[in-house]
Structure formats: C-alpha cells, structure tokens
Amino acid sequence: MNRLITILFLGMTAIIMQAKTDNEQLTNEARAEGKLACTMPCKEKEDESQIEALYRVMYKAMMGKDTLTLNHIHADDFVLTHMTGMHQSKQEYIRAIAGGTLNYYSAEHEQMEIKVNGNHATLTGRSRVTAAVFGGRRHIWRLQLHFNLSKEEGRWYFTSARASTY
C-alpha cells in the first residue's frame, strides 16, 4: 500500500511539474508575441493607471480652481512641502489655489514614476507647469512633485507631497 501511495505521489508530482513548465512556456511565448496583457501583476498595473489618472485630475483641478475635486483626492491630513520648505495643510493649499495665491495655467506631463506596495504608493511626477505663485509673474516651471499615496476603500488619496524643480 505504501509503495502504491509513493508511486501515485511521484506520478502526480511529475504531472504538476510538467503542467507548470508548459504554462511558463506558453506565458513566455505569449509575451514574445505581444499577446499577454499584463507583464506585471494586473492589480498593480491597474493601481498604477489609477494613480496616473489621479495625477492628471489633480492638475486639471488646480488649473480650474476646482476645490471640490481637490478636497476629494487629497487625504484630510495631506501636507504639501514647497520647494522653499514651507508646509501647507490640505485646507491651506486649497484656499491658496481658490484665493489666487497659487495660479496654475497649464501642465505638460513629461514623466511619472509610480511604485505600488499594497495600499501605499509613491509617485514622482515631472511636468512643465505654467504658473504664477505667491504674487510672482507667470512662469514655466520644471516642477517635480513627489507624492505619497494611500488606498482606502478602493480609492487612492494623496497623503503628502514635496515640490522641487528638475
């Protein structure tokens, strides 16, 4: 009886190993032919797409002074650190946009680097932004924003941002 169980076990192991090898070979062939939609886990790719869209929505809301959208996409404890080192809470940041202290006119997105780790992510976005801020003249900024994000109940939120130039 033990010998029969051993033979069955070895036979099943061989079948499983062959199936795994066949699956890997088919996956590699599909990738080579461009037929495989996800080369990384699909969930992570979906999260990256959502975060990239959120970045674009944020800029559109900043340019349109859309305080409802800005309030919706930033966590309540969001903090922005300006390139001068000044910190603004979510409420201060949105008031500065609505009140004309921060004026955004256009943004051309050049690069976005997104890293997802479960329900947390980072986004470093580089955009050429036309803006007039803190009483200055309209200027084209090579603005880099480094964000931390959290996902709660299926939605991504900006939790903090640090601005610099590139």
C-alpha atoms as a PDB file:
ATOM      1  CA  MET A   1       0.000   0.000   0.000  1.00  0.00           C
ATOM      2  CA  ASN A   2       2.791   2.450   0.903  1.00  0.00           C
ATOM      3  CA  ARG A   3       4.510   1.621  -2.385  1.00  0.00           C
ATOM      4  CA  LEU A   4       1.308   2.441  -4.308  1.00  0.00           C
ATOM      5  CA  ILE A   5       0.957   5.787  -2.499  1.00  0.00           C
ATOM      6  CA  THR A   6       4.597   6.636  -3.282  1.00  0.00           C
ATOM      7  CA  ILE A   7       4.117   5.781  -6.965  1.00  0.00           C
ATOM      8  CA  LEU A   8       0.934   7.878  -7.129  1.00  0.00           C
ATOM      9  CA  PHE A   9       2.664  10.781  -5.353  1.00  0.00           C
ATOM     10  CA  LEU A  10       5.647  10.712  -7.737  1.00  0.00           C
ATOM     11  CA  GLY A  11       3.336  10.462 -10.740  1.00  0.00           C
ATOM     12  CA  MET A  12       1.240  13.427  -9.566  1.00  0.00           C
ATOM     13  CA  THR A  13       4.378  15.463  -8.870  1.00  0.00           C
ATOM     14  CA  ALA A  14       5.674  14.782 -12.386  1.00  0.00           C
ATOM     15  CA  ILE A  15       2.316  15.807 -13.915  1.00  0.00           C
ATOM     16  CA  ILE A  16       2.206  19.035 -11.864  1.00  0.00           C
ATOM     17  CA  MET A  17       5.804  19.923 -12.750  1.00  0.00           C
ATOM     18  CA  GLN A  18       5.139  19.313 -16.467  1.00  0.00           C
ATOM     19  CA  ALA A  19       1.984  21.461 -16.348  1.00  0.00           C
ATOM     20  CA  LYS A  20       3.914  24.264 -14.630  1.00  0.00           C
ATOM     21  CA  THR A  21       6.679  24.069 -17.273  1.00  0.00           C
ATOM     22  CA  ASP A  22       4.102  24.073 -20.102  1.00  0.00           C
ATOM     23  CA  ASN A  23       2.317  27.089 -18.560  1.00  0.00           C
ATOM     24  CA  GLU A  24       5.573  29.056 -18.216  1.00  0.00           C
ATOM     25  CA  GLN A  25       6.492  28.244 -21.818  1.00  0.00           C
ATOM     26  CA  LEU A  26       3.071  29.383 -23.092  1.00  0.00           C
ATOM     27  CA  THR A  27       3.292  32.568 -20.999  1.00  0.00           C
ATOM     28  CA  ASN A  28       6.753  33.391 -22.378  1.00  0.00           C
ATOM     29  CA  GLU A  29       5.564  32.744 -25.956  1.00  0.00           C
ATOM     30  CA  ALA A  30       2.524  34.991 -25.425  1.00  0.00           C
ATOM     31  CA  ARG A  31       4.729  37.765 -24.038  1.00  0.00           C
ATOM     32  CA  ALA A  32       7.101  37.474 -27.001  1.00  0.00           C
ATOM     33  CA  GLU A  33       4.164  37.741 -29.410  1.00  0.00           C
ATOM     34  CA  GLY A  34       2.652  40.697 -27.530  1.00  0.00           C
ATOM     35  CA  LYS A  35      -0.493  38.734 -26.666  1.00  0.00           C
ATOM     36  CA  LEU A  36      -0.125  38.904 -22.895  1.00  0.00           C
ATOM     37  CA  ALA A  37      -1.836  41.981 -21.496  1.00  0.00           C
ATOM     38  CA  CYS A  38      -0.101  42.110 -18.115  1.00  0.00           C
ATOM     39  CA  THR A  39       3.630  41.626 -17.756  1.00  0.00           C
ATOM     40  CA  MET A  40       3.350  42.504 -14.063  1.00  0.00           C
ATOM     41  CA  PRO A  41       0.534  41.548 -11.753  1.00  0.00           C
ATOM     42  CA  CYS A  42      -2.655  43.019 -13.231  1.00  0.00           C
ATOM     43  CA  LYS A  43      -3.736  44.521  -9.882  1.00  0.00           C
ATOM     44  CA  GLU A  44      -0.510  46.536  -9.642  1.00  0.00           C
ATOM     45  CA  LYS A  45      -0.862  47.738 -13.231  1.00  0.00           C
ATOM     46  CA  GLU A  46      -4.457  48.801 -12.505  1.00  0.00           C
ATOM     47  CA  ASP A  47      -3.299  50.710  -9.411  1.00  0.00           C
ATOM     48  CA  GLU A  48      -0.591  52.459 -11.430  1.00  0.00           C
ATOM     49  CA  SER A  49      -3.169  53.518 -14.045  1.00  0.00           C
ATOM     50  CA  GLN A  50      -5.453  54.882 -11.329  1.00  0.00           C
ATOM     51  CA  ILE A  51      -2.591  56.838  -9.743  1.00  0.00           C
ATOM     52  CA  GLU A  52      -1.501  58.297 -13.081  1.00  0.00           C
ATOM     53  CA  ALA A  53      -5.105  59.362 -13.762  1.00  0.00           C
ATOM     54  CA  LEU A  54      -5.316  60.915 -10.279  1.00  0.00           C
ATOM     55  CA  TYR A  55      -2.184  62.996 -11.012  1.00  0.00           C
ATOM     56  CA  ARG A  56      -3.759  64.304 -14.221  1.00  0.00           C
ATOM     57  CA  VAL A  57      -7.076  65.011 -12.461  1.00  0.00           C
ATOM     58  CA  MET A  58      -5.206  66.939  -9.758  1.00  0.00           C
ATOM     59  CA  TYR A  59      -3.555  69.233 -12.304  1.00  0.00           C
ATOM     60  CA  LYS A  60      -6.840  69.797 -14.128  1.00  0.00           C
ATOM     61  CA  ALA A  61      -8.491  70.687 -10.807  1.00  0.00           C
ATOM     62  CA  MET A  62      -5.626  73.048  -9.890  1.00  0.00           C
ATOM     63  CA  MET A  63      -5.922  74.847 -13.232  1.00  0.00           C
ATOM     64  CA  GLY A  64      -9.721  75.067 -12.928  1.00  0.00           C
ATOM     65  CA  LYS A  65      -9.607  76.017  -9.230  1.00  0.00           C
ATOM     66  CA  ASP A  66     -11.919  73.045  -8.638  1.00  0.00           C
ATOM     67  CA  THR A  67     -11.829  72.917  -4.847  1.00  0.00           C
ATOM     68  CA  LEU A  68     -14.365  70.069  -4.608  1.00  0.00           C
ATOM     69  CA  THR A  69     -12.148  67.745  -6.644  1.00  0.00           C
ATOM     70  CA  LEU A  70      -9.002  68.845  -4.805  1.00  0.00           C
ATOM     71  CA  ASN A  71     -10.717  68.187  -1.493  1.00  0.00           C
ATOM     72  CA  HIS A  72     -11.860  64.764  -2.712  1.00  0.00           C
ATOM     73  CA  ILE A  73      -8.451  63.486  -3.923  1.00  0.00           C
ATOM     74  CA  HIS A  74      -6.299  64.686  -1.011  1.00  0.00           C
ATOM     75  CA  ALA A  75      -6.382  62.955   2.375  1.00  0.00           C
ATOM     76  CA  ASP A  76      -7.606  65.105   5.261  1.00  0.00           C
ATOM     77  CA  ASP A  77      -4.109  65.134   6.797  1.00  0.00           C
ATOM     78  CA  PHE A  78      -2.380  65.952   3.458  1.00  0.00           C
ATOM     79  CA  VAL A  79       0.656  68.238   3.718  1.00  0.00           C
ATOM     80  CA  LEU A  80       2.447  69.941   0.831  1.00  0.00           C
ATOM     81  CA  THR A  81       6.087  70.911   1.297  1.00  0.00           C
ATOM     82  CA  HIS A  82       7.007  73.677  -1.142  1.00  0.00           C
ATOM     83  CA  MET A  83      10.483  73.962  -2.647  1.00  0.00           C
ATOM     84  CA  THR A  84      11.127  76.796  -0.162  1.00  0.00           C
ATOM     85  CA  GLY A  85      10.480  74.394   2.716  1.00  0.00           C
ATOM     86  CA  MET A  86       7.147  75.963   3.605  1.00  0.00           C
ATOM     87  CA  HIS A  87       4.456  73.482   4.672  1.00  0.00           C
ATOM     88  CA  GLN A  88       0.779  73.820   3.801  1.00  0.00           C
ATOM     89  CA  SER A  89      -2.037  71.696   5.137  1.00  0.00           C
ATOM     90  CA  LYS A  90      -4.717  70.458   2.765  1.00  0.00           C
ATOM     91  CA  GLN A  91      -7.020  73.325   3.763  1.00  0.00           C
ATOM     92  CA  GLU A  92      -4.312  75.991   3.353  1.00  0.00           C
ATOM     93  CA  TYR A  93      -3.246  74.572  -0.006  1.00  0.00           C
ATOM     94  CA  ILE A  94      -6.792  74.502  -1.413  1.00  0.00           C
ATOM     95  CA  ARG A  95      -7.517  78.028  -0.069  1.00  0.00           C
ATOM     96  CA  ALA A  96      -4.315  79.300  -1.750  1.00  0.00           C
ATOM     97  CA  ILE A  97      -5.487  77.888  -5.082  1.00  0.00           C
ATOM     98  CA  ALA A  98      -9.045  79.195  -4.706  1.00  0.00           C
ATOM     99  CA  GLY A  99      -7.865  82.610  -3.494  1.00  0.00           C
ATOM    100  CA  GLY A 100      -5.330  83.213  -6.271  1.00  0.00           C
ATOM    101  CA  THR A 101      -2.103  82.799  -4.287  1.00  0.00           C
ATOM    102  CA  LEU A 102      -1.359  79.691  -6.382  1.00  0.00           C
ATOM    103  CA  ASN A 103      -2.413  80.060 -10.021  1.00  0.00           C
ATOM    104  CA  TYR A 104      -1.901  77.197 -12.467  1.00  0.00           C
ATOM    105  CA  TYR A 105      -2.496  77.717 -16.188  1.00  0.00           C
ATOM    106  CA  SER A 106      -1.144  74.651 -17.994  1.00  0.00           C
ATOM    107  CA  ALA A 107       0.814  71.464 -17.415  1.00  0.00           C
ATOM    108  CA  GLU A 108       2.683  69.201 -19.816  1.00  0.00           C
ATOM    109  CA  HIS A 109       3.453  65.912 -18.114  1.00  0.00           C
ATOM    110  CA  GLU A 110       6.882  64.597 -19.073  1.00  0.00           C
ATOM    111  CA  GLN A 111       7.438  61.691 -16.722  1.00  0.00           C
ATOM    112  CA  MET A 112       5.677  59.754 -13.968  1.00  0.00           C
ATOM    113  CA  GLU A 113       7.387  57.132 -11.853  1.00  0.00           C
ATOM    114  CA  ILE A 114       4.936  55.108  -9.788  1.00  0.00           C
ATOM    115  CA  LYS A 115       5.752  52.452  -7.221  1.00  0.00           C
ATOM    116  CA  VAL A 116       2.936  50.492  -5.593  1.00  0.00           C
ATOM    117  CA  ASN A 117       3.330  48.489  -2.401  1.00  0.00           C
ATOM    118  CA  GLY A 118      -0.053  47.125  -1.332  1.00  0.00           C
ATOM    119  CA  ASN A 119      -2.245  50.021  -0.180  1.00  0.00           C
ATOM    120  CA  HIS A 120       0.628  52.522  -0.286  1.00  0.00           C
ATOM    121  CA  ALA A 121       2.369  54.069  -3.260  1.00  0.00           C
ATOM    122  CA  THR A 122       4.752  56.798  -4.327  1.00  0.00           C
ATOM    123  CA  LEU A 123       4.524  58.931  -7.433  1.00  0.00           C
ATOM    124  CA  THR A 124       7.226  61.217  -8.715  1.00  0.00           C
ATOM    125  CA  GLY A 125       5.817  63.372 -11.483  1.00  0.00           C
ATOM    126  CA  ARG A 126       7.756  65.746 -13.679  1.00  0.00           C
ATOM    127  CA  SER A 127       5.727  68.347 -15.513  1.00  0.00           C
ATOM    128  CA  ARG A 128       6.335  71.658 -17.261  1.00  0.00           C
ATOM    129  CA  VAL A 129       3.880  73.859 -15.446  1.00  0.00           C
ATOM    130  CA  THR A 130       2.884  77.419 -16.317  1.00  0.00           C
ATOM    131  CA  ALA A 131       2.019  79.119 -13.044  1.00  0.00           C
ATOM    132  CA  ALA A 132       2.076  82.375 -11.099  1.00  0.00           C
ATOM    133  CA  VAL A 133       2.585  81.762  -7.393  1.00  0.00           C
ATOM    134  CA  PHE A 134       2.846  83.909  -4.276  1.00  0.00           C
ATOM    135  CA  GLY A 135       2.451  87.188  -6.196  1.00  0.00           C
ATOM    136  CA  GLY A 136       5.094  86.373  -8.818  1.00  0.00           C
ATOM    137  CA  ARG A 137       4.743  86.627 -12.556  1.00  0.00           C
ATOM    138  CA  ARG A 138       3.569  83.838 -14.819  1.00  0.00           C
ATOM    139  CA  HIS A 139       6.472  81.474 -15.377  1.00  0.00           C
ATOM    140  CA  ILE A 140       7.096  77.997 -16.824  1.00  0.00           C
ATOM    141  CA  TRP A 141       8.364  75.749 -14.051  1.00  0.00           C
ATOM    142  CA  ARG A 142      10.032  72.383 -14.490  1.00  0.00           C
ATOM    143  CA  LEU A 143       8.118  71.116 -11.473  1.00  0.00           C
ATOM    144  CA  GLN A 144       8.791  67.788  -9.822  1.00  0.00           C
ATOM    145  CA  LEU A 145       6.263  66.603  -7.255  1.00  0.00           C
ATOM    146  CA  HIS A 146       6.987  63.574  -5.097  1.00  0.00           C
ATOM    147  CA  PHE A 147       3.766  62.171  -3.613  1.00  0.00           C
ATOM    148  CA  ASN A 148       2.952  59.558  -1.037  1.00  0.00           C
ATOM    149  CA  LEU A 149      -0.438  57.931  -1.541  1.00  0.00           C
ATOM    150  CA  SER A 150      -2.714  55.608   0.402  1.00  0.00           C
ATOM    151  CA  LYS A 151      -5.558  53.448  -0.809  1.00  0.00           C
ATOM    152  CA  GLU A 152      -8.656  53.322   1.368  1.00  0.00           C
ATOM    153  CA  GLU A 153     -11.865  51.514   0.448  1.00  0.00           C
ATOM    154  CA  GLY A 154     -10.619  51.059  -3.114  1.00  0.00           C
ATOM    155  CA  ARG A 155      -9.692  54.742  -3.684  1.00  0.00           C
ATOM    156  CA  TRP A 156      -6.258  56.344  -3.869  1.00  0.00           C
ATOM    157  CA  TYR A 157      -5.586  59.602  -1.989  1.00  0.00           C
ATOM    158  CA  PHE A 158      -2.589  61.912  -1.939  1.00  0.00           C
ATOM    159  CA  THR A 159      -1.276  61.943   1.645  1.00  0.00           C
ATOM    160  CA  SER A 160       1.758  64.205   1.212  1.00  0.00           C
ATOM    161  CA  ALA A 161       3.734  65.988  -1.481  1.00  0.00           C
ATOM    162  CA  ARG A 162       7.162  67.564  -1.772  1.00  0.00           C
ATOM    163  CA  ALA A 163       7.820  70.060  -4.581  1.00  0.00           C
ATOM    164  CA  SER A 164      11.153  70.710  -6.279  1.00  0.00           C
ATOM    165  CA  THR A 165      12.443  71.569  -9.732  1.00  0.00           C
ATOM    166  CA  TYR A 166      14.298  69.328 -12.147  1.00  0.00           C
END
